[in-house]
Amino acid sequence: MLPPIMIGAVLGALLAIFARSRKAAEVRVLTLGLVVTALIYVGLALAGDNRQWLMTELLGVGLFGSLSWLGLRASLWWLALGWVGHVAWDVGLHLDRAQPLVGAWYPLFCIGFDLVVAGYLVNPALGPARSRREAG
């Protein structure tokens, strides 16, 4: 159970490092990352040919897309909430339910990934939420 979480955490840290290296595009990279994270489940639902699952995952894209947009336009706290919310999505919808094409390891992987990215966003010493004075 722990290895997928740890691998996800490492890859989440790599996303944060990549985003940080993009300076002006840092927030856009993390926003796009959240949308892509939600879209992965849509792709899996399409491949699994399950209409109900597809509708649920499309709802998730709308939800996480909205939080991403708010993160870009209003406050990074919305984006951080989106990443934490995706952990709840993974746990609530995927962790204990057998679904086509989603291995038991994948939600665990996502939990590690999502929590590291959310932590990056809320840590003013590391993430883009730092003050303009610190960034200058």
Foldseek 3Di string as FASTA:
>chain_A
DPVLLVLLLVVLVVQQVVLVVVPVCNLVSLLVVLLVVLVVQLVQCVVQVDVVSNVVSVVLSVQSNVLSVCCVPPNVVSSLVSLVVVLVVLVVPPQPDDGPPDDNSVSSNSNNNSVNNSVQSPPLVHHPNPDPVVVD
